[in-house]
Full PDB file with SEQRES, HELIX, SHEET, SSBOND, CRYST1, ORIGX, SCALE, CONECT and MASTER records, all heavy atoms in Angstrom:
SEQRES   1 A   33  GLY THR THR THR TYR THR ASP SER ALA LYS GLY ARG PHE          
SEQRES   2 A   33  THR ILE SER ARG ASP ASN ALA LYS ASN THR MET TYR LEU          
SEQRES   3 A   33  GLN MET ASN SER LEU LYS PRO                                  
HELIX    1 AA1 ASN A   19  LYS A   21  5                                   3    
SHEET    1 AA1 2 PHE A  13  ASP A  18  0                                        
SHEET    2 AA1 2 THR A  23  MET A  28 -1                                        
CRYST1    1.000    1.000    1.000  90.00  90.00  90.00 P 1           1          
ORIGX1      1.000000  0.000000  0.000000        0.00000                         
ORIGX2      0.000000  1.000000  0.000000        0.00000                         
ORIGX3      0.000000  0.000000  1.000000        0.00000                         
SCALE1      1.000000  0.000000  0.000000        0.00000                         
SCALE2      0.000000  1.000000  0.000000        0.00000                         
SCALE3      0.000000  0.000000  1.000000        0.00000                         
ATOM      1  N   GLY A   1      60.901  -6.342 -28.847  1.00  0.00           N  
ATOM      2  CA  GLY A   1      60.730  -5.236 -27.990  1.00  0.00           C  
ATOM      3  C   GLY A   1      61.797  -4.173 -28.044  1.00  0.00           C  
ATOM      4  O   GLY A   1      61.777  -3.144 -27.353  1.00  0.00           O  
ATOM      5  N   THR A   2      62.828  -4.319 -28.900  1.00  0.00           N  
ATOM      6  CA  THR A   2      63.878  -3.319 -28.997  1.00  0.00           C  
ATOM      7  C   THR A   2      63.367  -2.087 -29.843  1.00  0.00           C  
ATOM      8  O   THR A   2      62.624  -2.281 -30.818  1.00  0.00           O  
ATOM      9  CB  THR A   2      65.074  -3.908 -29.734  1.00  0.00           C  
ATOM     10  OG1 THR A   2      65.564  -4.964 -28.965  1.00  0.00           O  
ATOM     11  CG2 THR A   2      66.163  -2.854 -29.883  1.00  0.00           C  
ATOM     12  N   THR A   3      63.557  -0.871 -29.358  1.00  0.00           N  
ATOM     13  CA  THR A   3      63.057   0.284 -29.926  1.00  0.00           C  
ATOM     14  C   THR A   3      64.057   1.191 -30.589  1.00  0.00           C  
ATOM     15  O   THR A   3      65.247   1.164 -30.243  1.00  0.00           O  
ATOM     16  CB  THR A   3      62.289   1.169 -28.872  1.00  0.00           C  
ATOM     17  OG1 THR A   3      63.205   1.562 -27.800  1.00  0.00           O  
ATOM     18  CG2 THR A   3      61.111   0.349 -28.281  1.00  0.00           C  
ATOM     19  N   THR A   4      63.605   1.916 -31.594  1.00  0.00           N  
ATOM     20  CA  THR A   4      64.424   2.828 -32.377  1.00  0.00           C  
ATOM     21  C   THR A   4      63.615   4.118 -32.574  1.00  0.00           C  
ATOM     22  O   THR A   4      62.383   4.048 -32.768  1.00  0.00           O  
ATOM     23  CB  THR A   4      64.839   2.250 -33.717  1.00  0.00           C  
ATOM     24  OG1 THR A   4      65.530   1.056 -33.528  1.00  0.00           O  
ATOM     25  CG2 THR A   4      65.770   3.239 -34.450  1.00  0.00           C  
ATOM     26  N   TYR A   5      64.284   5.229 -32.389  1.00  0.00           N  
ATOM     27  CA  TYR A   5      63.604   6.542 -32.632  1.00  0.00           C  
ATOM     28  C   TYR A   5      64.337   7.486 -33.549  1.00  0.00           C  
ATOM     29  O   TYR A   5      65.596   7.438 -33.575  1.00  0.00           O  
ATOM     30  CB  TYR A   5      63.440   7.332 -31.299  1.00  0.00           C  
ATOM     31  CG  TYR A   5      62.634   6.588 -30.228  1.00  0.00           C  
ATOM     32  CD1 TYR A   5      63.234   5.735 -29.389  1.00  0.00           C  
ATOM     33  CD2 TYR A   5      61.254   6.613 -30.210  1.00  0.00           C  
ATOM     34  CE1 TYR A   5      62.569   4.952 -28.466  1.00  0.00           C  
ATOM     35  CE2 TYR A   5      60.509   5.932 -29.225  1.00  0.00           C  
ATOM     36  CZ  TYR A   5      61.189   5.104 -28.399  1.00  0.00           C  
ATOM     37  OH  TYR A   5      60.435   4.397 -27.420  1.00  0.00           O  
ATOM     38  N   THR A   6      63.617   8.296 -34.304  1.00  0.00           N  
ATOM     39  CA  THR A   6      64.275   9.329 -35.035  1.00  0.00           C  
ATOM     40  C   THR A   6      64.798  10.296 -34.005  1.00  0.00           C  
ATOM     41  O   THR A   6      64.257  10.473 -32.958  1.00  0.00           O  
ATOM     42  CB  THR A   6      63.268   9.997 -36.095  1.00  0.00           C  
ATOM     43  OG1 THR A   6      63.993  10.835 -36.983  1.00  0.00           O  
ATOM     44  CG2 THR A   6      62.247  10.718 -35.431  1.00  0.00           C  
ATOM     45  N   ASP A   7      65.829  11.074 -34.470  1.00  0.00           N  
ATOM     46  CA  ASP A   7      66.475  12.044 -33.588  1.00  0.00           C  
ATOM     47  C   ASP A   7      65.494  13.049 -32.893  1.00  0.00           C  
ATOM     48  O   ASP A   7      65.529  13.325 -31.673  1.00  0.00           O  
ATOM     49  CB  ASP A   7      67.591  12.797 -34.202  1.00  0.00           C  
ATOM     50  CG  ASP A   7      68.831  11.918 -34.445  1.00  0.00           C  
ATOM     51  OD1 ASP A   7      68.935  10.881 -33.791  1.00  0.00           O  
ATOM     52  OD2 ASP A   7      69.634  12.322 -35.312  1.00  0.00           O  
ATOM     53  N   SER A   8      64.568  13.506 -33.708  1.00  0.00           N  
ATOM     54  CA  SER A   8      63.640  14.560 -33.186  1.00  0.00           C  
ATOM     55  C   SER A   8      62.680  13.996 -32.144  1.00  0.00           C  
ATOM     56  O   SER A   8      62.075  14.765 -31.388  1.00  0.00           O  
ATOM     57  CB  SER A   8      62.874  15.193 -34.325  1.00  0.00           C  
ATOM     58  OG  SER A   8      62.019  14.174 -34.948  1.00  0.00           O  
ATOM     59  N   ALA A   9      62.490  12.661 -32.109  1.00  0.00           N  
ATOM     60  CA  ALA A   9      61.587  12.052 -31.212  1.00  0.00           C  
ATOM     61  C   ALA A   9      62.215  11.593 -29.958  1.00  0.00           C  
ATOM     62  O   ALA A   9      61.532  11.326 -28.878  1.00  0.00           O  
ATOM     63  CB  ALA A   9      60.857  10.897 -31.829  1.00  0.00           C  
ATOM     64  N   LYS A  10      63.513  11.389 -29.940  1.00  0.00           N  
ATOM     65  CA  LYS A  10      64.242  10.806 -28.801  1.00  0.00           C  
ATOM     66  C   LYS A  10      63.990  11.715 -27.476  1.00  0.00           C  
ATOM     67  O   LYS A  10      64.078  12.909 -27.634  1.00  0.00           O  
ATOM     68  CB  LYS A  10      65.733  10.696 -29.085  1.00  0.00           C  
ATOM     69  CG  LYS A  10      66.098   9.651 -30.025  1.00  0.00           C  
ATOM     70  CD  LYS A  10      67.596   9.657 -30.356  1.00  0.00           C  
ATOM     71  CE  LYS A  10      67.904   8.569 -31.451  1.00  0.00           C  
ATOM     72  NZ  LYS A  10      69.399   8.595 -31.762  1.00  0.00           N  
ATOM     73  N   GLY A  11      63.649  11.127 -26.476  1.00  0.00           N  
ATOM     74  CA  GLY A  11      63.441  11.818 -25.228  1.00  0.00           C  
ATOM     75  C   GLY A  11      62.026  12.322 -25.054  1.00  0.00           C  
ATOM     76  O   GLY A  11      61.653  12.752 -23.946  1.00  0.00           O  
ATOM     77  N   ARG A  12      61.200  12.334 -26.026  1.00  0.00           N  
ATOM     78  CA  ARG A  12      59.918  12.813 -26.052  1.00  0.00           C  
ATOM     79  C   ARG A  12      58.836  11.741 -26.277  1.00  0.00           C  
ATOM     80  O   ARG A  12      57.780  11.774 -25.753  1.00  0.00           O  
ATOM     81  CB  ARG A  12      59.695  13.958 -27.045  1.00  0.00           C  
ATOM     82  CG  ARG A  12      60.612  15.157 -26.770  1.00  0.00           C  
ATOM     83  CD  ARG A  12      60.143  16.347 -27.692  1.00  0.00           C  
ATOM     84  NE  ARG A  12      60.314  16.033 -29.075  1.00  0.00           N  
ATOM     85  CZ  ARG A  12      59.354  16.192 -29.930  1.00  0.00           C  
ATOM     86  NH1 ARG A  12      58.154  16.642 -29.540  1.00  0.00           N  
ATOM     87  NH2 ARG A  12      59.523  15.903 -31.257  1.00  0.00           N  
ATOM     88  N   PHE A  13      59.170  10.861 -27.230  1.00  0.00           N  
ATOM     89  CA  PHE A  13      58.207   9.807 -27.630  1.00  0.00           C  
ATOM     90  C   PHE A  13      58.629   8.467 -27.157  1.00  0.00           C  
ATOM     91  O   PHE A  13      59.761   8.162 -26.956  1.00  0.00           O  
ATOM     92  CB  PHE A  13      58.098   9.789 -29.138  1.00  0.00           C  
ATOM     93  CG  PHE A  13      57.528  10.984 -29.847  1.00  0.00           C  
ATOM     94  CD1 PHE A  13      57.134  12.073 -29.191  1.00  0.00           C  
ATOM     95  CD2 PHE A  13      57.378  10.910 -31.232  1.00  0.00           C  
ATOM     96  CE1 PHE A  13      56.655  13.194 -29.816  1.00  0.00           C  
ATOM     97  CE2 PHE A  13      56.893  12.052 -31.879  1.00  0.00           C  
ATOM     98  CZ  PHE A  13      56.535  13.175 -31.169  1.00  0.00           C  
ATOM     99  N   THR A  14      57.606   7.596 -26.825  1.00  0.00           N  
ATOM    100  CA  THR A  14      57.884   6.215 -26.436  1.00  0.00           C  
ATOM    101  C   THR A  14      56.956   5.331 -27.218  1.00  0.00           C  
ATOM    102  O   THR A  14      55.769   5.466 -27.214  1.00  0.00           O  
ATOM    103  CB  THR A  14      57.651   6.031 -24.900  1.00  0.00           C  
ATOM    104  OG1 THR A  14      58.479   6.952 -24.189  1.00  0.00           O  
ATOM    105  CG2 THR A  14      57.972   4.628 -24.490  1.00  0.00           C  
ATOM    106  N   ILE A  15      57.543   4.296 -27.889  1.00  0.00           N  
ATOM    107  CA  ILE A  15      56.834   3.304 -28.603  1.00  0.00           C  
ATOM    108  C   ILE A  15      56.768   2.081 -27.763  1.00  0.00           C  
ATOM    109  O   ILE A  15      57.741   1.714 -27.045  1.00  0.00           O  
ATOM    110  CB  ILE A  15      57.438   2.957 -29.951  1.00  0.00           C  
ATOM    111  CG1 ILE A  15      56.552   2.099 -30.817  1.00  0.00           C  
ATOM    112  CG2 ILE A  15      58.825   2.407 -29.829  1.00  0.00           C  
ATOM    113  CD1 ILE A  15      57.048   1.918 -32.234  1.00  0.00           C  
ATOM    114  N   SER A  16      55.605   1.374 -27.769  1.00  0.00           N  
ATOM    115  CA  SER A  16      55.463   0.187 -26.962  1.00  0.00           C  
ATOM    116  C   SER A  16      54.498  -0.735 -27.632  1.00  0.00           C  
ATOM    117  O   SER A  16      53.768  -0.318 -28.591  1.00  0.00           O  
ATOM    118  CB  SER A  16      55.040   0.433 -25.536  1.00  0.00           C  
ATOM    119  OG  SER A  16      53.741   1.158 -25.532  1.00  0.00           O  
ATOM    120  N   ARG A  17      54.360  -1.991 -27.241  1.00  0.00           N  
ATOM    121  CA  ARG A  17      53.470  -2.873 -27.802  1.00  0.00           C  
ATOM    122  C   ARG A  17      52.883  -3.811 -26.720  1.00  0.00           C  
ATOM    123  O   ARG A  17      53.556  -4.193 -25.761  1.00  0.00           O  
ATOM    124  CB  ARG A  17      54.038  -3.694 -28.938  1.00  0.00           C  
ATOM    125  CG  ARG A  17      55.197  -4.636 -28.578  1.00  0.00           C  
ATOM    126  CD  ARG A  17      55.957  -5.146 -29.778  1.00  0.00           C  
ATOM    127  NE  ARG A  17      55.131  -5.940 -30.647  1.00  0.00           N  
ATOM    128  CZ  ARG A  17      55.352  -6.261 -31.887  1.00  0.00           C  
ATOM    129  NH1 ARG A  17      56.464  -5.852 -32.496  1.00  0.00           N  
ATOM    130  NH2 ARG A  17      54.468  -7.033 -32.590  1.00  0.00           N  
ATOM    131  N   ASP A  18      51.654  -4.239 -26.903  1.00  0.00           N  
ATOM    132  CA  ASP A  18      50.962  -5.174 -25.937  1.00  0.00           C  
ATOM    133  C   ASP A  18      50.479  -6.316 -26.954  1.00  0.00           C  
ATOM    134  O   ASP A  18      49.359  -6.208 -27.511  1.00  0.00           O  
ATOM    135  CB  ASP A  18      49.853  -4.573 -25.278  1.00  0.00           C  
ATOM    136  CG  ASP A  18      49.248  -5.508 -24.181  1.00  0.00           C  
ATOM    137  OD1 ASP A  18      49.415  -6.696 -24.353  1.00  0.00           O  
ATOM    138  OD2 ASP A  18      48.625  -4.918 -23.156  1.00  0.00           O  
ATOM    139  N   ASN A  19      51.269  -7.386 -27.051  1.00  0.00           N  
ATOM    140  CA  ASN A  19      50.929  -8.433 -27.977  1.00  0.00           C  
ATOM    141  C   ASN A  19      49.660  -9.123 -27.540  1.00  0.00           C  
ATOM    142  O   ASN A  19      48.881  -9.594 -28.413  1.00  0.00           O  
ATOM    143  CB  ASN A  19      52.057  -9.419 -28.110  1.00  0.00           C  
ATOM    144  CG  ASN A  19      53.284  -8.864 -28.780  1.00  0.00           C  
ATOM    145  OD1 ASN A  19      53.136  -7.921 -29.626  1.00  0.00           O  
ATOM    146  ND2 ASN A  19      54.456  -9.385 -28.512  1.00  0.00           N  
ATOM    147  N   ALA A  20      49.328  -9.217 -26.291  1.00  0.00           N  
ATOM    148  CA  ALA A  20      48.145  -9.882 -25.841  1.00  0.00           C  
ATOM    149  C   ALA A  20      46.916  -9.090 -26.304  1.00  0.00           C  
ATOM    150  O   ALA A  20      45.841  -9.751 -26.477  1.00  0.00           O  
ATOM    151  CB  ALA A  20      48.112  -9.991 -24.326  1.00  0.00           C  
ATOM    152  N   LYS A  21      46.984  -7.818 -26.439  1.00  0.00           N  
ATOM    153  CA  LYS A  21      45.917  -6.979 -26.903  1.00  0.00           C  
ATOM    154  C   LYS A  21      45.987  -6.683 -28.373  1.00  0.00           C  
ATOM    155  O   LYS A  21      45.166  -5.882 -28.907  1.00  0.00           O  
ATOM    156  CB  LYS A  21      45.867  -5.735 -26.095  1.00  0.00           C  
ATOM    157  CG  LYS A  21      45.573  -5.880 -24.654  1.00  0.00           C  
ATOM    158  CD  LYS A  21      45.449  -4.595 -23.957  1.00  0.00           C  
ATOM    159  CE  LYS A  21      45.234  -4.743 -22.467  1.00  0.00           C  
ATOM    160  NZ  LYS A  21      45.112  -3.491 -21.743  1.00  0.00           N  
ATOM    161  N   ASN A  22      46.994  -7.169 -29.114  1.00  0.00           N  
ATOM    162  CA  ASN A  22      47.223  -6.891 -30.499  1.00  0.00           C  
ATOM    163  C   ASN A  22      47.254  -5.385 -30.829  1.00  0.00           C  
ATOM    164  O   ASN A  22      46.579  -4.929 -31.723  1.00  0.00           O  
ATOM    165  CB  ASN A  22      46.112  -7.567 -31.376  1.00  0.00           C  
ATOM    166  CG  ASN A  22      46.252  -9.077 -31.407  1.00  0.00           C  
ATOM    167  OD1 ASN A  22      47.286  -9.656 -31.106  1.00  0.00           O  
ATOM    168  ND2 ASN A  22      45.187  -9.706 -31.851  1.00  0.00           N  
ATOM    169  N   THR A  23      47.974  -4.667 -29.896  1.00  0.00           N  
ATOM    170  CA  THR A  23      47.969  -3.206 -29.990  1.00  0.00           C  
ATOM    171  C   THR A  23      49.347  -2.646 -29.795  1.00  0.00           C  
ATOM    172  O   THR A  23      50.147  -3.135 -29.002  1.00  0.00           O  
ATOM    173  CB  THR A  23      46.985  -2.613 -28.955  1.00  0.00           C  
ATOM    174  OG1 THR A  23      45.730  -3.168 -29.110  1.00  0.00           O  
ATOM    175  CG2 THR A  23      46.936  -1.097 -29.097  1.00  0.00           C  
ATOM    176  N   MET A  24      49.681  -1.587 -30.551  1.00  0.00           N  
ATOM    177  CA  MET A  24      50.947  -0.932 -30.465  1.00  0.00           C  
ATOM    178  C   MET A  24      50.601   0.550 -30.208  1.00  0.00           C  
ATOM    179  O   MET A  24      49.613   1.080 -30.653  1.00  0.00           O  
ATOM    180  CB  MET A  24      51.705  -1.099 -31.752  1.00  0.00           C  
ATOM    181  CG  MET A  24      53.152  -0.604 -31.790  1.00  0.00           C  
ATOM    182  SD  MET A  24      53.272   0.975 -32.623  1.00  0.00           S  
ATOM    183  CE  MET A  24      52.786   0.564 -34.347  1.00  0.00           C  
ATOM    184  N   TYR A  25      51.540   1.253 -29.382  1.00  0.00           N  
ATOM    185  CA  TYR A  25      51.228   2.531 -28.952  1.00  0.00           C  
ATOM    186  C   TYR A  25      52.400   3.458 -29.269  1.00  0.00           C  
ATOM    187  O   TYR A  25      53.581   3.037 -29.337  1.00  0.00           O  
ATOM    188  CB  TYR A  25      51.009   2.549 -27.382  1.00  0.00           C  
ATOM    189  CG  TYR A  25      49.952   1.626 -26.936  1.00  0.00           C  
ATOM    190  CD1 TYR A  25      50.328   0.340 -26.453  1.00  0.00           C  
ATOM    191  CD2 TYR A  25      48.616   2.011 -26.940  1.00  0.00           C  
ATOM    192  CE1 TYR A  25      49.315  -0.554 -26.008  1.00  0.00           C  
ATOM    193  CE2 TYR A  25      47.642   1.157 -26.437  1.00  0.00           C  
ATOM    194  CZ  TYR A  25      47.973  -0.104 -25.966  1.00  0.00           C  
ATOM    195  OH  TYR A  25      46.979  -0.949 -25.546  1.00  0.00           O  
ATOM    196  N   LEU A  26      52.122   4.729 -29.327  1.00  0.00           N  
ATOM    197  CA  LEU A  26      53.085   5.799 -29.382  1.00  0.00           C  
ATOM    198  C   LEU A  26      52.677   6.883 -28.345  1.00  0.00           C  
ATOM    199  O   LEU A  26      51.729   7.630 -28.658  1.00  0.00           O  
ATOM    200  CB  LEU A  26      53.246   6.398 -30.761  1.00  0.00           C  
ATOM    201  CG  LEU A  26      54.400   7.453 -30.904  1.00  0.00           C  
ATOM    202  CD1 LEU A  26      55.714   6.782 -30.711  1.00  0.00           C  
ATOM    203  CD2 LEU A  26      54.321   8.114 -32.201  1.00  0.00           C  
ATOM    204  N   GLN A  27      53.376   6.928 -27.326  1.00  0.00           N  
ATOM    205  CA  GLN A  27      53.237   8.048 -26.264  1.00  0.00           C  
ATOM    206  C   GLN A  27      54.013   9.233 -26.696  1.00  0.00           C  
ATOM    207  O   GLN A  27      55.242   9.115 -26.795  1.00  0.00           O  
ATOM    208  CB  GLN A  27      53.584   7.599 -24.918  1.00  0.00           C  
ATOM    209  CG  GLN A  27      53.417   8.661 -23.797  1.00  0.00           C  
ATOM    210  CD  GLN A  27      51.990   9.034 -23.604  1.00  0.00           C  
ATOM    211  OE1 GLN A  27      51.118   8.158 -23.485  1.00  0.00           O  
ATOM    212  NE2 GLN A  27      51.748  10.327 -23.514  1.00  0.00           N  
ATOM    213  N   MET A  28      53.306  10.371 -26.964  1.00  0.00           N  
ATOM    214  CA  MET A  28      54.031  11.606 -27.438  1.00  0.00           C  
ATOM    215  C   MET A  28      53.866  12.669 -26.377  1.00  0.00           C  
ATOM    216  O   MET A  28      52.792  13.085 -26.017  1.00  0.00           O  
ATOM    217  CB  MET A  28      53.433  12.087 -28.718  1.00  0.00           C  
ATOM    218  CG  MET A  28      53.523  10.967 -29.889  1.00  0.00           C  
ATOM    219  SD  MET A  28      52.985  11.618 -31.454  1.00  0.00           S  
ATOM    220  CE  MET A  28      51.219  11.933 -31.142  1.00  0.00           C  
ATOM    221  N   ASN A  29      55.007  13.061 -25.847  1.00  0.00           N  
ATOM    222  CA  ASN A  29      55.072  14.101 -24.828  1.00  0.00           C  
ATOM    223  C   ASN A  29      55.820  15.343 -25.351  1.00  0.00           C  
ATOM    224  O   ASN A  29      56.583  15.206 -26.317  1.00  0.00           O  
ATOM    225  CB  ASN A  29      55.716  13.622 -23.549  1.00  0.00           C  
ATOM    226  CG  ASN A  29      54.945  12.460 -22.857  1.00  0.00           C  
ATOM    227  OD1 ASN A  29      53.779  12.335 -22.915  1.00  0.00           O  
ATOM    228  ND2 ASN A  29      55.726  11.580 -22.247  1.00  0.00           N  
ATOM    229  N   SER A  30      55.648  16.495 -24.716  1.00  0.00           N  
ATOM    230  CA  SER A  30      56.381  17.691 -25.130  1.00  0.00           C  
ATOM    231  C   SER A  30      56.231  17.987 -26.538  1.00  0.00           C  
ATOM    232  O   SER A  30      57.195  18.257 -27.196  1.00  0.00           O  
ATOM    233  CB  SER A  30      57.836  17.600 -24.693  1.00  0.00           C  
ATOM    234  OG  SER A  30      57.955  17.382 -23.266  1.00  0.00           O  
ATOM    235  N   LEU A  31      54.966  17.897 -27.071  1.00  0.00           N  
ATOM    236  CA  LEU A  31      54.715  18.021 -28.471  1.00  0.00           C  
ATOM    237  C   LEU A  31      55.082  19.445 -28.980  1.00  0.00           C  
ATOM    238  O   LEU A  31      54.883  20.418 -28.288  1.00  0.00           O  
ATOM    239  CB  LEU A  31      53.299  17.731 -28.778  1.00  0.00           C  
ATOM    240  CG  LEU A  31      52.949  16.154 -28.788  1.00  0.00           C  
ATOM    241  CD1 LEU A  31      51.519  15.916 -28.709  1.00  0.00           C  
ATOM    242  CD2 LEU A  31      53.577  15.526 -30.091  1.00  0.00           C  
ATOM    243  N   LYS A  32      55.575  19.478 -30.168  1.00  0.00           N  
ATOM    244  CA  LYS A  32      55.892  20.770 -30.859  1.00  0.00           C  
ATOM    245  C   LYS A  32      55.150  20.899 -32.145  1.00  0.00           C  
ATOM    246  O   LYS A  32      54.662  19.966 -32.716  1.00  0.00           O  
ATOM    247  CB  LYS A  32      57.467  20.686 -31.266  1.00  0.00           C  
ATOM    248  CG  LYS A  32      58.373  20.411 -30.075  1.00  0.00           C  
ATOM    249  CD  LYS A  32      59.776  20.271 -30.570  1.00  0.00           C  
ATOM    250  CE  LYS A  32      60.708  20.017 -29.373  1.00  0.00           C  
ATOM    251  NZ  LYS A  32      62.170  19.843 -29.860  1.00  0.00           N  
ATOM    252  N   PRO A  33      54.960  22.136 -32.593  1.00  0.00           N  
ATOM    253  CA  PRO A  33      54.254  22.358 -33.830  1.00  0.00           C  
ATOM    254  C   PRO A  33      54.864  21.543 -34.999  1.00  0.00           C  
ATOM    255  O   PRO A  33      54.138  21.141 -35.925  1.00  0.00           O  
ATOM    256  CB  PRO A  33      54.376  23.913 -34.079  1.00  0.00           C  
ATOM    257  CG  PRO A  33      54.476  24.426 -32.746  1.00  0.00           C  
ATOM    258  CD  PRO A  33      55.265  23.437 -31.915  1.00  0.00           C  
TER     259      PRO A  33                                                      
MASTER        0    0    0    1    2    0    0    6  258    1    0    3          
END                                                                             
């Protein structure tokens, strides 16, 4: 569950995983062109 982000994503994107659902997510906020 340890996370790493590229500099441009830090503070805006959040990666997470739900192993029980076999699913991984990327929440993206404050999106830019």
